[in-house]
Protein backbone atom coordinates (compact mmCIF):
# COMPACT_ATOMS: atom_id res chain seq x y z
CA MET A 1 0.01 0.01 0.00
CA SER A 2 1.40 3.37 -0.90
CA ASP A 3 1.52 6.36 1.42
CA THR A 4 -1.27 8.14 -0.48
CA GLU A 5 -3.56 5.09 -0.25
CA LEU A 6 -2.80 4.75 3.45
CA ASP A 7 -3.51 8.47 3.93
CA LYS A 8 -6.89 8.02 2.14
CA VAL A 9 -7.85 5.08 4.37
CA LEU A 10 -6.82 6.93 7.53
CA THR A 11 -8.72 10.03 6.44
CA GLN A 12 -11.83 7.96 5.71
CA ARG A 13 -11.65 6.29 9.15
CA HIS A 14 -11.13 9.63 10.84
CA GLU A 15 -14.16 11.13 9.04
CA ALA A 16 -16.25 8.02 9.85
CA ASN A 17 -15.37 8.27 13.53
CA GLN A 18 -16.48 11.88 13.59
CA THR A 19 -20.00 10.92 12.49
CA ILE A 20 -20.49 8.57 15.43
CA VAL A 21 -22.55 10.30 18.07
CA ASN A 22 -22.70 8.86 21.55
CA VAL A 23 -26.24 9.57 22.76
CA GLU A 24 -27.19 8.60 26.23
CA GLU A 25 -30.95 8.12 26.63
CA ALA A 26 -32.75 9.30 29.70
CA THR A 27 -33.74 6.58 32.12
CA ILE A 28 -36.58 6.35 34.63
CA LYS A 29 -36.51 4.36 37.88
CA LEU A 30 -39.62 2.27 38.47
CA VAL A 31 -40.92 0.14 41.33
CA VAL A 32 -42.36 -2.98 39.67
CA PHE A 33 -44.91 -5.04 41.57
CA GLU A 34 -47.55 -7.71 41.13
CA LEU A 35 -51.21 -7.43 41.95
CA ALA A 36 -53.71 -10.19 41.11
CA GLN A 37 -51.02 -11.92 38.99
CA GLN A 38 -50.57 -8.85 36.77
CA GLY A 39 -47.51 -6.60 36.52
CA PHE A 40 -47.68 -2.92 37.46
CA ALA A 41 -45.22 -0.15 38.23
CA PHE A 42 -45.02 3.27 39.83
CA HIS A 43 -42.38 5.92 39.26
CA SER A 44 -39.91 5.47 42.11
CA GLU A 45 -40.09 9.15 43.11
CA SER A 46 -43.73 8.46 44.09
CA ILE A 47 -42.74 5.62 46.41
CA ARG A 48 -41.05 6.68 49.62
CA GLU A 49 -40.48 3.21 51.02
CA VAL A 50 -41.32 -0.46 50.70
CA LEU A 51 -42.44 -2.01 53.97
CA GLY A 52 -41.86 -5.74 54.09
CA HIS A 53 -44.06 -6.23 57.14
CA ALA A 54 -46.31 -3.88 59.01
CA THR A 55 -49.24 -4.50 61.33
CA VAL A 56 -52.38 -3.07 59.76
CA PHE A 57 -55.08 -1.96 62.19
CA PHE A 58 -58.69 -2.26 61.04
CA VAL A 59 -60.78 0.91 61.18
CA PRO A 60 -64.54 0.25 61.58
CA GLY A 61 -66.86 1.93 59.09
CA CYS A 62 -64.28 2.33 56.30
CA PRO A 63 -64.87 1.10 52.75
CA ALA A 64 -63.61 -2.39 51.82
CA SER A 65 -60.91 -0.81 49.67
CA LEU A 66 -59.28 0.62 52.84
CA GLU A 67 -57.46 -2.17 54.60
CA GLY A 68 -56.80 -0.02 57.66
CA VAL A 69 -53.99 2.11 59.07
CA ILE A 70 -50.38 1.52 60.00
CA ASN A 71 -47.90 3.26 62.28
CA VAL A 72 -44.77 4.25 60.39
CA ARG A 73 -42.28 5.64 62.92
CA GLY A 74 -44.99 7.60 64.68
CA ASP A 75 -46.91 8.67 61.59
CA ILE A 76 -50.33 7.13 60.89
CA GLU A 77 -50.76 6.12 57.22
CA SER A 78 -53.80 4.56 55.57
CA VAL A 79 -53.38 1.35 53.59
CA ILE A 80 -55.48 1.08 50.45
CA LEU A 81 -56.20 -1.91 48.25
CA LEU A 82 -56.04 -1.12 44.51
CA ASN A 83 -58.00 -4.16 43.38
CA ASN A 84 -61.41 -2.41 43.30
CA LEU A 85 -60.09 0.69 41.55
CA LEU A 86 -58.28 -1.43 38.91
CA HIS A 87 -61.23 -3.86 38.59
CA LEU A 88 -59.06 -6.81 39.64
CA PRO A 89 -60.13 -9.83 41.66
CA THR A 90 -59.60 -9.33 45.34
CA SER A 91 -56.38 -10.91 46.54
CA ALA A 92 -56.42 -13.15 49.57
CA SER A 93 -55.51 -11.07 52.56
CA ASN A 94 -51.84 -11.68 53.32
CA PRO A 95 -50.52 -9.70 56.29
CA GLN A 96 -46.97 -10.51 55.13
CA ALA A 97 -47.50 -8.90 51.68
CA PRO A 98 -45.47 -5.70 51.17
CA ILE A 99 -46.88 -2.21 51.45
CA LEU A 100 -45.63 0.61 49.21
CA LEU A 101 -45.62 3.97 50.93
CA GLY A 102 -46.71 6.32 48.16
CA ARG A 103 -46.71 10.08 48.15
CA GLY A 104 -48.65 12.06 45.59
CA LYS A 105 -48.99 15.81 45.24
CA GLU A 106 -51.69 16.05 47.91
CA VAL A 107 -52.08 12.56 49.39
CA SER A 108 -49.82 9.96 50.94
CA SER A 109 -50.87 6.46 51.75
CA GLY A 110 -49.74 2.87 51.94
CA ILE A 111 -50.68 0.63 49.04
CA ARG A 112 -50.90 -3.14 49.60
CA VAL A 113 -49.39 -5.17 46.74
CA ASP A 114 -49.06 -8.93 46.36
CA HIS A 115 -45.34 -8.93 45.59
CA VAL A 116 -42.62 -6.42 44.80
CA ILE A 117 -40.79 -7.71 41.74
CA ASP A 118 -37.91 -5.26 41.40
CA VAL A 119 -36.80 -1.63 41.32
CA ILE A 120 -35.49 -1.01 37.81
CA ASP A 121 -34.04 1.64 35.53
CA VAL A 122 -35.66 1.68 32.11
CA VAL A 123 -34.90 3.77 29.04
CA GLU A 124 -37.61 6.38 28.69
CA SER A 125 -38.17 5.45 25.04
CA SER A 126 -39.01 1.85 26.00
CA ILE A 127 -42.24 3.04 27.65
CA GLN A 128 -45.11 2.90 25.19
CA PRO A 129 -48.12 5.19 25.49
CA PRO A 130 -51.32 3.63 26.86
CA PRO A 131 -53.46 1.98 24.20
CA SER A 132 -56.57 3.89 23.07
CA THR A 133 -58.53 0.62 23.42
CA GLN A 134 -57.98 0.28 27.17
CA ALA A 135 -61.00 0.10 29.43
CA GLU A 136 -62.63 3.40 30.34
CA TYR A 137 -61.97 2.94 34.06
CA MET A 138 -58.23 2.62 33.33
CA GLN A 139 -58.01 5.82 31.27
CA GLY A 140 -56.09 8.36 33.25
CA LEU A 141 -54.73 5.75 35.64
CA VAL A 142 -52.30 4.29 33.11
CA SER A 143 -49.40 6.44 31.97
CA GLY A 144 -47.64 3.81 29.86
CA LEU A 145 -46.78 0.20 29.08
CA LEU A 146 -43.49 -1.65 28.99
CA HIS A 147 -42.06 -5.19 29.00
CA PHE A 148 -39.96 -6.50 31.84
CA GLN A 149 -38.84 -10.12 32.25
CA ASP A 150 -40.98 -11.17 29.27
CA ARG A 151 -44.19 -9.85 30.82
CA PRO A 152 -46.23 -6.73 30.22
CA ILE A 153 -46.04 -4.06 32.93
CA THR A 154 -48.64 -1.32 33.27
CA LEU A 155 -47.17 1.97 34.48
CA LEU A 156 -49.67 3.64 36.82
CA ASP A 157 -50.12 7.34 37.68
CA LEU A 158 -50.14 7.44 41.49
CA ASP A 159 -51.58 10.99 41.66
CA GLN A 160 -54.53 9.97 39.51
CA ILE A 161 -55.07 6.81 41.58
CA PHE A 162 -55.17 8.87 44.77
CA ALA A 163 -57.50 11.40 43.13
CA ASP A 164 -59.90 8.67 41.95
CA TYR A 165 -59.71 6.97 45.33
CA ALA A 166 -60.55 10.25 47.10
CA ARG A 167 -63.57 10.66 44.78
CA GLY A 168 -64.86 7.34 46.00
CA LEU A 169 -64.13 5.36 42.83
CA GLY A 170 -62.14 2.73 44.75
């Protein structure tokens, strides 16, 4: 190979390397959980803590969707059951099931889930918009869909869930 040919090859490689753009996509941290054998997730900034075990105290006269209240380091938090709001079959009451301590813009509450699957970072572009064919009661509650561990995960809007719950839809 002559020097001019080598210079051409080196120039081409140099120009090709300049066209490579390293783009880092934004990621979102999600708390993925299971409820009635279906996968769901909340944005992690909405979840303050995951309680592995907490004693829930029954409060007479409350709706069936309110499991009761818990004492979290001196603060009293309600514990709601999402099954009614999401139109899912009622899970068998398991006092060992985890509770997600959620905080919305105006409300904070515990949320009983069947199982916490993982806390994950996902690329923002991997979250698909909610389908237009979803059930009417889910519109507004679902902010996106994604796949994790070969299963569909429904990303829920905690503020909207708390708002619907406060309006008595749960």
